[in-house]
Structures are given as C-alpha cells and as structure tokens.
Amino acid sequence: MKILSFVADIFEDLELWYPLIRLKEEGWEVDVVALDKKKVYTGKYGLKAEANKTYDEVKSEDYDGLLIPGGYAPDILRVEEDCIRLTKEFNEQGKPIGMICHAGWVPVTADILRGKTGTSTKKIKADLEGAGMTWVDKEVVVSENIISSRSPKDLHVYTTAFIDEVKKYKEGK
C-alpha cells in the first residue's frame, strides 16, 4: 500500500507521526508532501518533519489513501492550490481520506464534504456543517471515503479505521 500525507508548519505532532509510524509498521510506503522538501517543518510541540516529495512530484493515482494531519497546518494547507487539487482528486477516485482535529479545513476548502457525516475538534464544527457535513461527536466516523476523528486521544481508533478502509478500497478495485 502507498499513502500520501501532507505536512506544513504547526502540524499536530502526534496526528502526523502516530499514523505514519503505524502505517510503516504495516509495511506500507508513506510519502510526505509539501511545497518545499528542503525545509524542515515544525509541529506545535516542536517535533520536526520533512517532506520527501513536493506537490509536482506526486500523482493521486499512484496512492491508495491520503492522510491530513491536524494542528494549525491545515489553515496553511487549505490555501495551497496543489494540496486542494490533490484532495479533490483523491475524493473523485473514491480513495480513503483521513482527517483529524483541524484537518477538516482542507476538505472544506476542497468542497468534498457535502452529504457526508464526520467529526473533528468542536472548534471547527461550524466550518464542517457549513460545508454540508453532518457533524457528530464520536471517536471515529467513516462516511463513504472520509475517515474522521476529533483529536489525538482518538488516534488509536482513527488509524485503525484508516488502515481498514484502505484495505477495503484495495480489495474492491
């Protein structure tokens, strides 16, 4: 399996690293994409991350799923045109998209949440509802190809649900 994850400064440290580590434990390949792969990105709590690819080096069709970490990075990511383009492409292809905490800002901007059900931090509940999503307060919600969770405390069920949905997607191909 091959997964793509976005990164930008002020990412939620655990929401980036926990899923990446779990996916690598599964033996999956994970590429981290950003505007600049020469830059070191810093999380909210100081953990560092580097992208191994830039947007122009990746194609959505080469991946089985997309992870969007939370923190305040999604506020930066949602104005990056190629980030939004890729998010739309993953959705159009029906591929699993994981969003946690504030990560929902990216799918809101990509306008891919209408008619779906999901969750997030309560701080962006109104944003998700305004984008047409039915918001619920649960650890993890799977709605079509969108896997969502509220916060780092839900990472164990979020990451497991994401892995399960990617496997289902691959089996259904």
N, C-alpha and C. Protein backbone atom coordinates (compact mmCIF):
# COMPACT_ATOMS: atom_id res chain seq x y z
N MET A 1 0.84 -1.18 0.00
CA MET A 1 0.00 0.00 0.00
C MET A 1 0.89 1.25 0.00
N LYS A 2 0.38 2.27 -0.60
CA LYS A 2 1.14 3.51 -0.70
C LYS A 2 0.22 4.68 -0.29
N ILE A 3 0.66 5.43 0.70
CA ILE A 3 -0.14 6.50 1.29
C ILE A 3 0.59 7.83 1.14
N LEU A 4 -0.20 8.89 0.95
CA LEU A 4 0.32 10.25 0.88
C LEU A 4 -0.14 11.02 2.11
N SER A 5 0.74 11.79 2.68
CA SER A 5 0.39 12.66 3.81
C SER A 5 0.90 14.06 3.53
N PHE A 6 0.08 15.04 3.87
CA PHE A 6 0.50 16.44 3.76
C PHE A 6 1.26 16.84 5.01
N VAL A 7 2.10 17.88 4.88
CA VAL A 7 2.74 18.49 6.04
C VAL A 7 2.93 19.98 5.78
N ALA A 8 2.80 20.75 6.84
CA ALA A 8 3.10 22.19 6.85
C ALA A 8 3.43 22.54 8.29
N ASP A 9 4.01 23.69 8.49
CA ASP A 9 4.34 24.10 9.85
C ASP A 9 3.11 24.11 10.75
N ILE A 10 3.36 23.92 12.02
CA ILE A 10 2.38 23.92 13.11
C ILE A 10 1.42 22.73 12.99
N PHE A 11 1.90 21.62 12.40
CA PHE A 11 1.12 20.39 12.40
C PHE A 11 1.00 19.88 13.83
N GLU A 12 -0.05 19.12 14.12
CA GLU A 12 -0.19 18.49 15.43
C GLU A 12 0.77 17.30 15.42
N ASP A 13 1.76 17.37 16.27
CA ASP A 13 2.85 16.39 16.24
C ASP A 13 2.38 14.94 16.19
N LEU A 14 1.51 14.56 17.12
CA LEU A 14 1.05 13.17 17.16
C LEU A 14 0.18 12.82 15.97
N GLU A 15 -0.60 13.77 15.47
CA GLU A 15 -1.50 13.48 14.36
C GLU A 15 -0.77 13.26 13.03
N LEU A 16 0.46 13.72 12.96
CA LEU A 16 1.30 13.39 11.81
C LEU A 16 2.05 12.09 12.07
N TRP A 17 2.78 12.03 13.19
CA TRP A 17 3.71 10.94 13.42
C TRP A 17 3.08 9.61 13.79
N TYR A 18 2.03 9.61 14.61
CA TYR A 18 1.41 8.34 15.02
C TYR A 18 0.94 7.54 13.80
N PRO A 19 0.09 8.12 12.92
CA PRO A 19 -0.32 7.33 11.75
C PRO A 19 0.85 6.92 10.84
N LEU A 20 1.82 7.81 10.65
CA LEU A 20 2.96 7.45 9.79
C LEU A 20 3.71 6.24 10.33
N ILE A 21 3.94 6.24 11.62
CA ILE A 21 4.65 5.11 12.24
C ILE A 21 3.82 3.84 12.12
N ARG A 22 2.51 3.92 12.43
CA ARG A 22 1.65 2.74 12.34
C ARG A 22 1.61 2.18 10.91
N LEU A 23 1.53 3.07 9.93
CA LEU A 23 1.48 2.59 8.54
C LEU A 23 2.79 1.94 8.14
N LYS A 24 3.88 2.49 8.60
CA LYS A 24 5.18 1.87 8.31
C LYS A 24 5.30 0.52 9.00
N GLU A 25 4.71 0.39 10.20
CA GLU A 25 4.68 -0.91 10.88
C GLU A 25 3.90 -1.93 10.06
N GLU A 26 2.91 -1.48 9.32
CA GLU A 26 2.13 -2.35 8.45
C GLU A 26 2.92 -2.74 7.19
N GLY A 27 4.08 -2.09 6.99
CA GLY A 27 4.88 -2.35 5.80
C GLY A 27 4.47 -1.49 4.62
N TRP A 28 3.69 -0.47 4.88
CA TRP A 28 3.21 0.42 3.82
C TRP A 28 4.22 1.52 3.55
N GLU A 29 4.21 1.99 2.32
CA GLU A 29 5.06 3.11 1.93
C GLU A 29 4.29 4.40 2.18
N VAL A 30 4.95 5.38 2.79
CA VAL A 30 4.31 6.66 3.07
C VAL A 30 5.19 7.78 2.52
N ASP A 31 4.59 8.60 1.67
CA ASP A 31 5.28 9.79 1.19
C ASP A 31 4.66 11.01 1.87
N VAL A 32 5.54 11.90 2.29
CA VAL A 32 5.10 13.15 2.91
C VAL A 32 5.36 14.25 1.90
N VAL A 33 4.31 15.01 1.58
CA VAL A 33 4.39 16.02 0.53
C VAL A 33 4.18 17.42 1.11
N ALA A 34 4.90 18.38 0.54
CA ALA A 34 4.80 19.78 0.94
C ALA A 34 5.28 20.65 -0.21
N LEU A 35 5.19 21.94 -0.01
CA LEU A 35 5.67 22.88 -1.03
C LEU A 35 7.18 22.76 -1.24
N ASP A 36 7.91 22.49 -0.15
CA ASP A 36 9.37 22.52 -0.20
C ASP A 36 9.93 21.33 0.56
N LYS A 37 10.61 20.43 -0.14
CA LYS A 37 11.17 19.26 0.56
C LYS A 37 12.55 19.54 1.15
N LYS A 38 13.05 20.75 0.98
CA LYS A 38 14.32 21.12 1.60
C LYS A 38 14.10 21.76 2.97
N LYS A 39 12.86 22.11 3.26
CA LYS A 39 12.53 22.78 4.51
C LYS A 39 12.25 21.76 5.61
N VAL A 40 12.58 22.10 6.84
CA VAL A 40 12.20 21.30 7.99
C VAL A 40 10.97 21.95 8.60
N TYR A 41 9.88 21.18 8.69
CA TYR A 41 8.62 21.68 9.24
C TYR A 41 8.57 21.38 10.73
N THR A 42 8.01 22.31 11.49
CA THR A 42 7.98 22.17 12.94
C THR A 42 6.54 22.04 13.43
N GLY A 43 6.31 21.03 14.26
CA GLY A 43 4.99 20.80 14.83
C GLY A 43 4.70 21.75 15.98
N LYS A 44 3.44 21.73 16.44
CA LYS A 44 3.00 22.58 17.55
C LYS A 44 3.88 22.42 18.78
N TYR A 45 4.33 21.19 19.01
CA TYR A 45 5.09 20.91 20.22
C TYR A 45 6.58 20.68 19.95
N GLY A 46 7.02 21.04 18.75
CA GLY A 46 8.44 21.05 18.45
C GLY A 46 8.99 19.87 17.67
N LEU A 47 8.20 18.82 17.44
CA LEU A 47 8.71 17.72 16.63
C LEU A 47 8.93 18.22 15.20
N LYS A 48 9.92 17.69 14.56
CA LYS A 48 10.28 18.10 13.20
C LYS A 48 9.81 17.06 12.19
N ALA A 49 9.58 17.53 10.98
CA ALA A 49 9.21 16.63 9.88
C ALA A 49 9.71 17.23 8.58
N GLU A 50 10.07 16.36 7.67
CA GLU A 50 10.50 16.79 6.34
C GLU A 50 9.65 16.09 5.30
N ALA A 51 9.38 16.77 4.23
CA ALA A 51 8.69 16.15 3.10
C ALA A 51 9.73 15.44 2.24
N ASN A 52 9.36 14.29 1.72
CA ASN A 52 10.26 13.62 0.78
C ASN A 52 9.80 13.84 -0.67
N LYS A 53 8.68 14.55 -0.84
CA LYS A 53 8.17 14.87 -2.17
C LYS A 53 7.57 16.28 -2.15
N THR A 54 7.54 16.90 -3.32
CA THR A 54 6.81 18.15 -3.48
C THR A 54 5.54 17.83 -4.27
N TYR A 55 4.60 18.75 -4.26
CA TYR A 55 3.32 18.50 -4.94
C TYR A 55 3.49 18.12 -6.41
N ASP A 56 4.42 18.76 -7.08
CA ASP A 56 4.59 18.47 -8.51
C ASP A 56 5.26 17.11 -8.77
N GLU A 57 5.70 16.44 -7.72
CA GLU A 57 6.33 15.12 -7.87
C GLU A 57 5.36 13.97 -7.61
N VAL A 58 4.12 14.29 -7.23
CA VAL A 58 3.18 13.21 -6.89
C VAL A 58 1.93 13.28 -7.76
N LYS A 59 1.34 12.09 -7.97
CA LYS A 59 0.09 11.96 -8.70
C LYS A 59 -0.85 11.14 -7.82
N SER A 60 -2.06 11.61 -7.67
CA SER A 60 -3.03 10.93 -6.80
C SER A 60 -3.24 9.47 -7.20
N GLU A 61 -3.20 9.20 -8.48
CA GLU A 61 -3.46 7.83 -8.94
C GLU A 61 -2.37 6.84 -8.49
N ASP A 62 -1.24 7.32 -8.04
CA ASP A 62 -0.16 6.45 -7.57
C ASP A 62 -0.32 6.03 -6.11
N TYR A 63 -1.37 6.52 -5.43
CA TYR A 63 -1.54 6.30 -3.99
C TYR A 63 -2.87 5.64 -3.69
N ASP A 64 -2.93 4.98 -2.53
CA ASP A 64 -4.13 4.26 -2.09
C ASP A 64 -4.93 5.03 -1.05
N GLY A 65 -4.38 6.09 -0.51
CA GLY A 65 -5.08 6.87 0.51
C GLY A 65 -4.32 8.13 0.84
N LEU A 66 -5.03 9.06 1.49
CA LEU A 66 -4.49 10.36 1.86
C LEU A 66 -4.72 10.63 3.33
N LEU A 67 -3.68 11.09 4.01
CA LEU A 67 -3.79 11.50 5.41
C LEU A 67 -3.56 13.00 5.52
N ILE A 68 -4.44 13.65 6.28
CA ILE A 68 -4.29 15.08 6.54
C ILE A 68 -4.17 15.25 8.04
N PRO A 69 -2.99 15.61 8.55
CA PRO A 69 -2.85 15.82 9.99
C PRO A 69 -3.48 17.15 10.40
N GLY A 70 -3.83 17.22 11.66
CA GLY A 70 -4.43 18.45 12.18
C GLY A 70 -3.39 19.43 12.70
N GLY A 71 -3.75 20.10 13.77
CA GLY A 71 -2.95 21.22 14.27
C GLY A 71 -3.41 22.45 13.51
N TYR A 72 -2.51 23.39 13.35
CA TYR A 72 -2.87 24.59 12.58
C TYR A 72 -2.31 24.53 11.16
N ALA A 73 -1.61 23.45 10.84
CA ALA A 73 -1.11 23.25 9.48
C ALA A 73 -2.24 23.29 8.44
N PRO A 74 -3.42 22.72 8.74
CA PRO A 74 -4.48 22.76 7.73
C PRO A 74 -4.89 24.18 7.32
N ASP A 75 -4.70 25.14 8.21
CA ASP A 75 -5.00 26.53 7.86
C ASP A 75 -4.02 27.04 6.81
N ILE A 76 -2.80 26.52 6.84
CA ILE A 76 -1.80 26.84 5.82
C ILE A 76 -2.07 26.03 4.55
N LEU A 77 -2.34 24.74 4.74
CA LEU A 77 -2.53 23.84 3.60
C LEU A 77 -3.73 24.22 2.74
N ARG A 78 -4.78 24.73 3.34
CA ARG A 78 -6.01 24.99 2.57
C ARG A 78 -5.89 26.13 1.57
N VAL A 79 -4.79 26.86 1.60
CA VAL A 79 -4.57 27.90 0.59
C VAL A 79 -3.50 27.47 -0.43
N GLU A 80 -3.01 26.25 -0.31
CA GLU A 80 -2.05 25.72 -1.27
C GLU A 80 -2.83 25.01 -2.37
N GLU A 81 -2.83 25.58 -3.57
CA GLU A 81 -3.65 25.09 -4.67
C GLU A 81 -3.44 23.60 -4.96
N ASP A 82 -2.21 23.15 -4.96
CA ASP A 82 -1.95 21.75 -5.28
C ASP A 82 -2.43 20.81 -4.17
N CYS A 83 -2.41 21.27 -2.94
CA CYS A 83 -2.95 20.49 -1.83
C CYS A 83 -4.45 20.27 -2.04
N ILE A 84 -5.15 21.32 -2.39
CA ILE A 84 -6.60 21.22 -2.63
C ILE A 84 -6.88 20.38 -3.87
N ARG A 85 -6.11 20.56 -4.91
CA ARG A 85 -6.27 19.75 -6.13
C ARG A 85 -6.13 18.26 -5.82
N LEU A 86 -5.08 17.91 -5.09
CA LEU A 86 -4.86 16.50 -4.74
C LEU A 86 -5.99 15.96 -3.88
N THR A 87 -6.45 16.74 -2.93
CA THR A 87 -7.56 16.31 -2.06
C THR A 87 -8.80 16.03 -2.90
N LYS A 88 -9.10 16.90 -3.85
CA LYS A 88 -10.24 16.68 -4.74
C LYS A 88 -10.04 15.42 -5.58
N GLU A 89 -8.84 15.21 -6.08
CA GLU A 89 -8.57 14.03 -6.91
C GLU A 89 -8.74 12.74 -6.12
N PHE A 90 -8.22 12.70 -4.90
CA PHE A 90 -8.39 11.50 -4.06
C PHE A 90 -9.87 11.23 -3.86
N ASN A 91 -10.64 12.28 -3.60
CA ASN A 91 -12.08 12.12 -3.39
C ASN A 91 -12.76 11.63 -4.66
N GLU A 92 -12.44 12.22 -5.80
CA GLU A 92 -13.05 11.81 -7.07
C GLU A 92 -12.76 10.35 -7.38
N GLN A 93 -11.60 9.86 -6.95
CA GLN A 93 -11.21 8.47 -7.18
C GLN A 93 -11.77 7.54 -6.10
N GLY A 94 -12.48 8.09 -5.12
CA GLY A 94 -13.08 7.29 -4.06
C GLY A 94 -12.07 6.72 -3.08
N LYS A 95 -10.90 7.29 -3.05
CA LYS A 95 -9.85 6.78 -2.17
C LYS A 95 -10.04 7.30 -0.75
N PRO A 96 -9.65 6.51 0.26
CA PRO A 96 -9.79 6.94 1.64
C PRO A 96 -9.00 8.22 1.94
N ILE A 97 -9.67 9.13 2.64
CA ILE A 97 -9.07 10.39 3.07
C ILE A 97 -9.26 10.47 4.58
N GLY A 98 -8.14 10.50 5.31
CA GLY A 98 -8.20 10.62 6.76
C GLY A 98 -8.01 12.07 7.18
N MET A 99 -8.92 12.54 8.04
CA MET A 99 -8.81 13.91 8.57
C MET A 99 -9.08 13.86 10.06
N ILE A 100 -8.25 14.55 10.81
CA ILE A 100 -8.37 14.52 12.26
C ILE A 100 -8.21 15.94 12.81
N CYS A 101 -9.01 16.23 13.82
CA CYS A 101 -8.95 17.51 14.54
C CYS A 101 -9.25 18.69 13.61
N HIS A 102 -8.29 19.57 13.36
CA HIS A 102 -8.47 20.72 12.47
C HIS A 102 -8.25 20.38 10.99
N ALA A 103 -7.90 19.13 10.68
CA ALA A 103 -7.61 18.75 9.29
C ALA A 103 -8.79 18.96 8.36
N GLY A 104 -9.98 18.99 8.91
CA GLY A 104 -11.18 19.18 8.10
C GLY A 104 -11.18 20.47 7.30
N TRP A 105 -10.36 21.43 7.69
CA TRP A 105 -10.29 22.68 6.92
C TRP A 105 -9.89 22.43 5.47
N VAL A 106 -9.05 21.43 5.24
CA VAL A 106 -8.62 21.14 3.86
C VAL A 106 -9.77 20.58 3.03
N PRO A 107 -10.48 19.54 3.48
CA PRO A 107 -11.63 19.07 2.71
C PRO A 107 -12.76 20.11 2.60
N VAL A 108 -12.90 20.99 3.58
CA VAL A 108 -13.88 22.07 3.47
C VAL A 108 -13.54 22.93 2.25
N THR A 109 -12.28 23.33 2.15
CA THR A 109 -11.85 24.16 1.02
C THR A 109 -11.96 23.41 -0.30
N ALA A 110 -11.71 22.10 -0.26
CA ALA A 110 -11.83 21.28 -1.47
C ALA A 110 -13.29 21.00 -1.83
N ASP A 111 -14.21 21.35 -0.95
CA ASP A 111 -15.64 21.18 -1.17
C ASP A 111 -16.01 19.72 -1.46
N ILE A 112 -15.56 18.83 -0.56
CA ILE A 112 -15.83 17.40 -0.77
C ILE A 112 -16.65 16.78 0.37
N LEU A 113 -17.21 17.59 1.25
CA LEU A 113 -17.87 17.05 2.43
C LEU A 113 -19.40 17.03 2.36
N ARG A 114 -19.98 17.60 1.33
CA ARG A 114 -21.45 17.66 1.23
C ARG A 114 -22.07 16.27 1.28
N GLY A 115 -23.06 16.13 2.16
CA GLY A 115 -23.79 14.88 2.28
C GLY A 115 -23.10 13.81 3.10
N LYS A 116 -21.93 14.11 3.62
CA LYS A 116 -21.20 13.12 4.41
C LYS A 116 -21.37 13.42 5.90
N THR A 117 -21.05 12.46 6.72
CA THR A 117 -21.09 12.60 8.18
C THR A 117 -19.67 12.48 8.68
N GLY A 118 -19.32 13.27 9.69
CA GLY A 118 -17.96 13.21 10.22
C GLY A 118 -17.84 13.91 11.54
N THR A 119 -16.60 13.97 11.99
CA THR A 119 -16.30 14.61 13.27
C THR A 119 -15.00 15.38 13.16
N SER A 120 -14.70 16.11 14.21
CA SER A 120 -13.50 16.95 14.27
C SER A 120 -13.41 17.52 15.68
N THR A 121 -12.44 18.38 15.89
CA THR A 121 -12.47 19.17 17.11
C THR A 121 -13.73 20.05 17.03
N LYS A 122 -14.34 20.30 18.18
CA LYS A 122 -15.55 21.13 18.19
C LYS A 122 -15.28 22.54 17.67
N LYS A 123 -14.03 22.95 17.68
CA LYS A 123 -13.67 24.30 17.23
C LYS A 123 -13.96 24.54 15.75
N ILE A 124 -14.02 23.46 14.94
CA ILE A 124 -14.33 23.66 13.52
C ILE A 124 -15.65 23.00 13.12
N LYS A 125 -16.46 22.63 14.10
CA LYS A 125 -17.77 22.03 13.84
C LYS A 125 -18.57 22.89 12.87
N ALA A 126 -18.66 24.19 13.13
CA ALA A 126 -19.45 25.08 12.27
C ALA A 126 -18.90 25.12 10.85
N ASP A 127 -17.59 25.05 10.69
CA ASP A 127 -16.98 25.04 9.35
C ASP A 127 -17.41 23.80 8.57
N LEU A 128 -17.38 22.64 9.24
CA LEU A 128 -17.76 21.39 8.57
C LEU A 128 -19.24 21.39 8.23
N GLU A 129 -20.07 21.85 9.16
CA GLU A 129 -21.50 21.91 8.90
C GLU A 129 -21.80 22.90 7.77
N GLY A 130 -21.10 24.00 7.74
CA GLY A 130 -21.27 24.98 6.67
C GLY A 130 -20.88 24.43 5.31
N ALA A 131 -20.00 23.42 5.32
CA ALA A 131 -19.57 22.78 4.07
C ALA A 131 -20.47 21.61 3.69
N GLY A 132 -21.55 21.41 4.46
CA GLY A 132 -22.52 20.39 4.12
C GLY A 132 -22.34 19.05 4.81
N MET A 133 -21.47 18.96 5.79
CA MET A 133 -21.26 17.71 6.51
C MET A 133 -22.16 17.68 7.75
N THR A 134 -22.67 16.51 8.06
CA THR A 134 -23.38 16.30 9.32
C THR A 134 -22.33 15.97 10.37
N TRP A 135 -22.20 16.83 11.38
CA TRP A 135 -21.17 16.67 12.41
C TRP A 135 -21.71 15.86 13.56
N VAL A 136 -20.93 14.88 14.04
CA VAL A 136 -21.28 14.09 15.21
C VAL A 136 -20.07 14.03 16.14
N ASP A 137 -20.32 13.84 17.41
CA ASP A 137 -19.26 13.78 18.42
C ASP A 137 -18.94 12.32 18.73
N LYS A 138 -18.06 11.73 17.93
CA LYS A 138 -17.65 10.33 18.10
C LYS A 138 -16.15 10.23 17.92
N GLU A 139 -15.57 9.14 18.45
CA GLU A 139 -14.12 8.91 18.31
C GLU A 139 -13.68 8.87 16.87
N VAL A 140 -14.42 8.12 16.07
CA VAL A 140 -14.09 7.98 14.66
C VAL A 140 -15.39 7.81 13.88
N VAL A 141 -15.42 8.40 12.70
CA VAL A 141 -16.58 8.28 11.81
C VAL A 141 -16.06 7.95 10.42
N VAL A 142 -16.66 6.91 9.82
CA VAL A 142 -16.36 6.56 8.43
C VAL A 142 -17.61 6.87 7.63
N SER A 143 -17.49 7.76 6.67
CA SER A 143 -18.61 8.14 5.82
C SER A 143 -18.12 8.13 4.38
N GLU A 144 -18.56 7.11 3.65
CA GLU A 144 -18.06 6.86 2.31
C GLU A 144 -16.53 6.75 2.40
N ASN A 145 -15.78 7.64 1.75
CA ASN A 145 -14.32 7.53 1.76
C ASN A 145 -13.64 8.45 2.79
N ILE A 146 -14.43 9.13 3.61
CA ILE A 146 -13.87 10.05 4.59
C ILE A 146 -13.81 9.39 5.96
N ILE A 147 -12.62 9.35 6.55
CA ILE A 147 -12.41 8.82 7.89
C ILE A 147 -12.02 10.02 8.75
N SER A 148 -12.79 10.27 9.82
CA SER A 148 -12.52 11.46 10.64
C SER A 148 -12.51 11.13 12.12
N SER A 149 -11.71 11.91 12.85
CA SER A 149 -11.64 11.79 14.31
C SER A 149 -11.47 13.17 14.91
N ARG A 150 -11.65 13.23 16.24
CA ARG A 150 -11.70 14.50 16.94
C ARG A 150 -10.35 15.08 17.34
N SER A 151 -9.46 14.23 17.87
CA SER A 151 -8.23 14.76 18.48
C SER A 151 -7.22 13.63 18.67
N PRO A 152 -6.02 13.98 19.16
CA PRO A 152 -5.01 12.94 19.37
C PRO A 152 -5.46 11.79 20.27
N LYS A 153 -6.39 12.04 21.18
CA LYS A 153 -6.84 10.95 22.06
C LYS A 153 -7.55 9.84 21.29
N ASP A 154 -7.98 10.15 20.06
CA ASP A 154 -8.68 9.17 19.23
C ASP A 154 -7.77 8.49 18.20
N LEU A 155 -6.49 8.77 18.23
CA LEU A 155 -5.58 8.27 17.19
C LEU A 155 -5.59 6.75 17.05
N HIS A 156 -5.75 6.03 18.14
CA HIS A 156 -5.74 4.57 18.06
C HIS A 156 -6.89 4.03 17.21
N VAL A 157 -8.09 4.59 17.35
CA VAL A 157 -9.22 4.11 16.55
C VAL A 157 -9.22 4.73 15.15
N TYR A 158 -8.75 5.97 15.05
CA TYR A 158 -8.67 6.67 13.77
C TYR A 158 -7.72 5.94 12.82
N THR A 159 -6.53 5.64 13.30
CA THR A 159 -5.53 5.00 12.45
C THR A 159 -5.96 3.59 12.07
N THR A 160 -6.56 2.86 13.01
CA THR A 160 -7.08 1.52 12.70
C THR A 160 -8.17 1.60 11.64
N ALA A 161 -9.08 2.56 11.78
CA ALA A 161 -10.16 2.72 10.79
C ALA A 161 -9.59 3.09 9.42
N PHE A 162 -8.59 3.97 9.40
CA PHE A 162 -7.97 4.35 8.13
C PHE A 162 -7.34 3.14 7.45
N ILE A 163 -6.59 2.36 8.21
CA ILE A 163 -5.96 1.14 7.66
C ILE A 163 -7.03 0.20 7.10
N ASP A 164 -8.11 0.00 7.86
CA ASP A 164 -9.19 -0.89 7.41
C ASP A 164 -9.82 -0.38 6.11
N GLU A 165 -10.04 0.93 6.02
CA GLU A 165 -10.68 1.49 4.83
C GLU A 165 -9.77 1.42 3.60
N VAL A 166 -8.48 1.59 3.79
CA VAL A 166 -7.56 1.45 2.66
C VAL A 166 -7.55 0.00 2.17
N LYS A 167 -7.55 -0.95 3.09
CA LYS A 167 -7.59 -2.36 2.70
C LYS A 167 -8.88 -2.68 1.94
N LYS A 168 -10.02 -2.15 2.41
CA LYS A 168 -11.30 -2.36 1.71
C LYS A 168 -11.26 -1.75 0.33
N TYR A 169 -10.68 -0.55 0.22
CA TYR A 169 -10.58 0.12 -1.07
C TYR A 169 -9.77 -0.75 -2.05
N LYS A 170 -8.64 -1.26 -1.59
CA LYS A 170 -7.78 -2.09 -2.45
C LYS A 170 -8.47 -3.39 -2.86
N GLU A 171 -9.21 -4.00 -1.93
CA GLU A 171 -9.92 -5.25 -2.23
C GLU A 171 -11.02 -5.02 -3.25
N GLY A 172 -11.63 -3.83 -3.22
CA GLY A 172 -12.74 -3.51 -4.11
C GLY A 172 -12.32 -3.11 -5.51
N LYS A 173 -11.01 -2.92 -5.73
CA LYS A 173 -10.54 -2.50 -7.05
C LYS A 173 -10.58 -3.61 -8.06
